[in-house]
């Protein structure tokens, strides 16, 4: 337990095994450092990572609790690109670009809570509306936390739809940002490198286990609409 990654893995295992059920206070940083034989700073880094992912909640003068959301067992309804495009009155098309098991990006490694040397499956896809680029997507799947799959599973069915059908997703977390398009993203959106594009990042969990991390890129002038 001399690295924050190993401490994080131990804390996750105790949460998954229900040693620490949803809503329960976990030991203090000092107590965990003593139990695991490591520095308090190491424990602090591990808990910060888990808090950033929504797995635990930290409050001053109260302590650290396992997030209550992880007790939910109903399936999470996730956005489906097909419905988004058809709602615009446009013709939907999907293209699978690549499926590859590889070391994850730094963002994906952190989102999926993978340790050094871990691998994830990267799925790249393009969505078209009336034959024009609507969105390009890069989604990282944690193969250790999912049912067996292969490239054939994603030839006709996008990764998000496959997840919704095969995994009991309990909650998700998304971020919206602007980012300069580059590489495959710029080519698939048919824009110049550096063009600012709408970027949506999403992490999906099954209880305390992050199973996917997606980044979706939309061309300039795309409008995101939400109704309540």
Protein backbone atom coordinates (compact mmCIF):
# COMPACT_ATOMS: atom_id res chain seq x y z
CA UNK A 1 0.00 0.00 0.00
CA UNK A 2 2.78 2.42 -0.86
CA UNK A 3 0.95 4.14 -3.75
CA UNK A 4 -2.31 6.07 -3.89
CA UNK A 5 -3.51 3.76 -6.68
CA UNK A 6 -3.21 0.69 -4.43
CA UNK A 7 -4.99 2.52 -1.59
CA UNK A 8 -7.76 3.55 -3.99
CA UNK A 9 -8.13 -0.07 -5.15
CA UNK A 10 -8.40 -1.28 -1.55
CA UNK A 11 -11.04 1.32 -0.69
CA UNK A 12 -13.01 0.43 -3.84
CA UNK A 13 -12.89 -3.26 -2.94
CA UNK A 14 -14.28 -2.57 0.54
CA UNK A 15 -17.10 -0.54 -0.99
CA UNK A 16 -17.90 -3.18 -3.62
CA UNK A 17 -17.89 -5.97 -1.04
CA UNK A 18 -20.33 -3.93 1.12
CA UNK A 19 -17.88 -3.85 4.02
CA UNK A 20 -18.70 -0.15 3.77
CA UNK A 21 -22.29 0.04 2.43
CA UNK A 22 -23.81 3.12 0.75
CA UNK A 23 -24.26 6.02 3.16
CA UNK A 24 -21.80 4.70 5.77
CA UNK A 25 -18.93 6.74 7.18
CA UNK A 26 -15.55 5.20 6.41
CA UNK A 27 -12.47 5.43 8.66
CA UNK A 28 -10.57 8.71 8.83
CA UNK A 29 -7.47 9.35 6.75
CA UNK A 30 -5.32 8.81 9.82
CA UNK A 31 -7.05 5.50 10.63
CA UNK A 32 -6.75 4.27 7.06
CA UNK A 33 -3.08 5.24 6.91
CA UNK A 34 -2.48 3.19 10.06
CA UNK A 35 -4.49 0.21 8.78
CA UNK A 36 -2.82 0.17 5.37
CA UNK A 37 0.69 1.05 6.51
CA UNK A 38 1.15 4.13 4.37
CA UNK A 39 1.43 7.90 4.65
CA UNK A 40 -1.67 9.98 5.32
CA UNK A 41 -0.92 12.03 2.19
CA UNK A 42 -1.17 8.82 0.14
CA UNK A 43 -4.62 8.12 1.57
CA UNK A 44 -5.67 11.72 0.95
CA UNK A 45 -4.77 11.48 -2.75
CA UNK A 46 -6.68 8.20 -3.15
CA UNK A 47 -9.80 9.59 -1.46
CA UNK A 48 -9.66 12.78 -3.54
CA UNK A 49 -9.73 10.68 -6.71
CA UNK A 50 -12.71 8.67 -5.47
CA UNK A 51 -14.53 11.83 -4.42
CA UNK A 52 -13.94 13.40 -7.84
CA UNK A 53 -15.61 10.33 -9.38
CA UNK A 54 -18.62 10.59 -7.07
CA UNK A 55 -17.97 7.26 -5.33
CA UNK A 56 -17.50 8.87 -1.92
CA UNK A 57 -18.58 12.18 -0.39
CA UNK A 58 -16.20 14.21 1.80
CA UNK A 59 -17.40 16.90 4.20
CA UNK A 60 -15.35 18.90 6.67
CA UNK A 61 -16.10 18.14 10.32
CA UNK A 62 -18.41 15.32 9.23
CA UNK A 63 -16.15 12.79 7.53
CA UNK A 64 -16.18 10.66 4.41
CA UNK A 65 -19.20 8.60 3.38
CA UNK A 66 -19.86 6.08 0.64
CA UNK A 67 -22.19 7.84 -1.79
CA UNK A 68 -25.78 6.76 -1.28
CA UNK A 69 -26.37 6.76 -5.06
CA UNK A 70 -24.45 3.51 -5.37
CA UNK A 71 -27.32 1.58 -3.76
CA UNK A 72 -29.59 2.23 -6.74
CA UNK A 73 -30.34 -0.86 -8.83
CA UNK A 74 -32.63 0.57 -11.50
CA UNK A 75 -31.18 0.96 -14.94
CA UNK A 76 -29.95 4.41 -15.86
CA UNK A 77 -31.54 5.89 -18.96
CA UNK A 78 -28.70 7.25 -21.06
CA UNK A 79 -29.02 9.52 -24.10
CA UNK A 80 -29.28 7.72 -27.44
CA UNK A 81 -27.76 9.49 -30.44
CA UNK A 82 -30.30 7.95 -32.80
CA UNK A 83 -33.15 9.67 -30.93
CA UNK A 84 -31.26 12.97 -30.77
CA UNK A 85 -30.77 13.06 -34.55
CA UNK A 86 -34.27 11.86 -35.43
CA UNK A 87 -35.75 14.50 -33.07
CA UNK A 88 -34.16 17.09 -35.38
CA UNK A 89 -36.12 15.61 -38.28
CA UNK A 90 -32.90 14.28 -39.83
CA UNK A 91 -31.92 10.88 -41.18
CA UNK A 92 -29.69 8.95 -38.76
CA UNK A 93 -26.54 7.03 -39.70
CA UNK A 94 -23.81 5.41 -37.58
CA UNK A 95 -20.27 4.42 -38.58
CA UNK A 96 -17.94 2.33 -36.42
CA UNK A 97 -14.40 3.58 -36.99
CA UNK A 98 -12.22 1.43 -34.72
CA UNK A 99 -12.16 -0.89 -31.71
CA UNK A 100 -8.85 -1.34 -29.94
CA UNK A 101 -7.60 -2.69 -26.59
CA UNK A 102 -4.86 -0.30 -25.50
CA UNK A 103 -3.45 1.73 -22.59
CA UNK A 104 -6.05 4.40 -21.79
CA UNK A 105 -5.49 8.11 -22.05
CA UNK A 106 -4.71 9.92 -18.81
CA UNK A 107 -8.31 11.17 -18.64
CA UNK A 108 -9.73 7.69 -19.24
CA UNK A 109 -7.38 6.06 -16.74
CA UNK A 110 -8.51 8.46 -14.06
CA UNK A 111 -12.21 8.21 -14.95
CA UNK A 112 -12.20 4.39 -14.97
CA UNK A 113 -10.06 4.19 -11.81
CA UNK A 114 -7.47 2.00 -13.57
CA UNK A 115 -4.05 1.46 -12.08
CA UNK A 116 -0.70 1.78 -13.88
CA UNK A 117 -0.37 -0.73 -16.71
CA UNK A 118 -4.12 -1.19 -17.02
CA UNK A 119 -5.79 -1.44 -20.41
CA UNK A 120 -9.20 -0.43 -21.72
CA UNK A 121 -11.08 -0.88 -24.98
CA UNK A 122 -11.27 2.28 -27.07
CA UNK A 123 -14.25 2.51 -29.45
CA UNK A 124 -14.35 5.33 -32.00
CA UNK A 125 -17.54 6.12 -33.92
CA UNK A 126 -19.10 8.77 -36.13
CA UNK A 127 -22.76 9.82 -36.26
CA UNK A 128 -24.32 11.49 -39.30
CA UNK A 129 -27.46 13.57 -39.72
CA UNK A 130 -28.72 13.73 -43.31
CA UNK A 131 -25.32 12.47 -44.39
CA UNK A 132 -23.42 15.28 -42.64
CA UNK A 133 -21.19 14.90 -39.55
CA UNK A 134 -23.28 15.34 -36.40
CA UNK A 135 -20.94 13.97 -33.73
CA UNK A 136 -17.77 11.96 -33.34
CA UNK A 137 -17.30 9.84 -30.24
CA UNK A 138 -14.47 8.17 -28.38
CA UNK A 139 -15.62 5.83 -25.61
CA UNK A 140 -13.36 3.84 -23.31
CA UNK A 141 -14.78 0.60 -21.88
CA UNK A 142 -13.42 -1.18 -18.82
CA UNK A 143 -13.26 -4.82 -20.01
CA UNK A 144 -12.66 -6.11 -16.47
CA UNK A 145 -16.02 -4.71 -15.33
CA UNK A 146 -18.18 -5.64 -18.34
CA UNK A 147 -19.58 -8.77 -20.00
CA UNK A 148 -17.44 -10.19 -22.80
CA UNK A 149 -17.69 -8.23 -26.04
CA UNK A 150 -16.00 -8.01 -29.44
CA UNK A 151 -15.84 -5.61 -32.38
CA UNK A 152 -18.86 -7.34 -33.93
CA UNK A 153 -21.03 -6.11 -31.04
CA UNK A 154 -20.47 -2.52 -32.14
CA UNK A 155 -20.73 -2.89 -35.92
CA UNK A 156 -24.44 -2.03 -35.92
CA UNK A 157 -25.04 -1.01 -32.32
CA UNK A 158 -23.23 2.00 -30.80
CA UNK A 159 -21.31 1.34 -27.59
CA UNK A 160 -23.72 3.40 -25.46
CA UNK A 161 -26.70 1.39 -26.69
CA UNK A 162 -24.80 -1.86 -26.06
CA UNK A 163 -24.08 -0.71 -22.50
CA UNK A 164 -27.72 0.17 -21.88
CA UNK A 165 -28.80 -3.31 -23.01
CA UNK A 166 -26.14 -5.36 -21.24
CA UNK A 167 -25.14 -3.55 -18.04
CA UNK A 168 -27.14 -2.39 -15.00
CA UNK A 169 -25.93 1.20 -15.11
CA UNK A 170 -26.85 2.98 -11.89
CA UNK A 171 -25.65 6.55 -12.39
CA UNK A 172 -23.66 8.82 -14.63
CA UNK A 173 -21.78 12.08 -14.52
CA UNK A 174 -21.14 14.45 -17.39
CA UNK A 175 -19.18 17.61 -18.11
CA UNK A 176 -19.58 20.13 -20.93
CA UNK A 177 -16.62 22.07 -22.30
CA UNK A 178 -15.21 23.68 -25.42
CA UNK A 179 -12.10 22.17 -26.96
CA UNK A 180 -10.07 22.59 -30.12
CA UNK A 181 -10.65 19.73 -32.56
CA UNK A 182 -7.61 17.73 -33.68
CA UNK A 183 -6.64 14.49 -35.40
CA UNK A 184 -9.43 11.99 -36.05
CA UNK A 185 -11.97 14.28 -34.42
CA UNK A 186 -11.25 17.17 -36.79
CA UNK A 187 -11.27 14.86 -39.83
CA UNK A 188 -14.54 13.17 -38.84
CA UNK A 189 -16.25 16.51 -38.20
CA UNK A 190 -14.73 17.95 -41.39
CA UNK A 191 -13.28 20.98 -39.62
CA UNK A 192 -9.78 22.44 -39.46
CA UNK A 193 -7.45 21.49 -36.62
CA UNK A 194 -7.92 23.84 -33.69
CA UNK A 195 -11.56 24.65 -34.48
CA UNK A 196 -13.47 25.04 -31.17
CA UNK A 197 -16.08 22.30 -30.81
CA UNK A 198 -18.64 21.41 -28.17
CA UNK A 199 -17.30 18.52 -26.08
CA UNK A 200 -19.32 16.37 -23.71
CA UNK A 201 -17.59 13.97 -21.32
CA UNK A 202 -19.57 11.24 -19.56
CA UNK A 203 -18.68 8.57 -17.01
CA UNK A 204 -21.14 5.72 -16.40
CA UNK A 205 -21.10 3.56 -13.27
CA UNK A 206 -22.58 0.27 -12.20
CA UNK A 207 -22.79 0.75 -8.43
CA UNK A 208 -19.27 1.69 -7.30
CA UNK A 209 -17.57 0.55 -10.52
CA UNK A 210 -16.93 3.00 -13.38
CA UNK A 211 -17.53 1.04 -16.59
CA UNK A 212 -17.23 3.62 -19.38
CA UNK A 213 -15.80 7.04 -20.16
CA UNK A 214 -16.97 8.79 -23.31
CA UNK A 215 -16.02 12.00 -25.08
CA UNK A 216 -18.40 13.29 -27.74
CA UNK A 217 -17.49 16.12 -30.08
CA UNK A 218 -20.00 18.27 -31.99
CA UNK A 219 -19.25 20.70 -34.84
CA UNK A 220 -19.48 24.49 -34.47
CA UNK A 221 -22.98 25.98 -34.12
CA UNK A 222 -24.36 22.77 -32.58
CA UNK A 223 -27.09 23.60 -30.09
CA UNK A 224 -27.60 21.54 -26.95
CA UNK A 225 -31.24 21.60 -25.77
CA UNK A 226 -32.55 20.34 -22.44
CA UNK A 227 -36.15 20.29 -21.27
CA UNK A 228 -37.53 19.78 -17.76
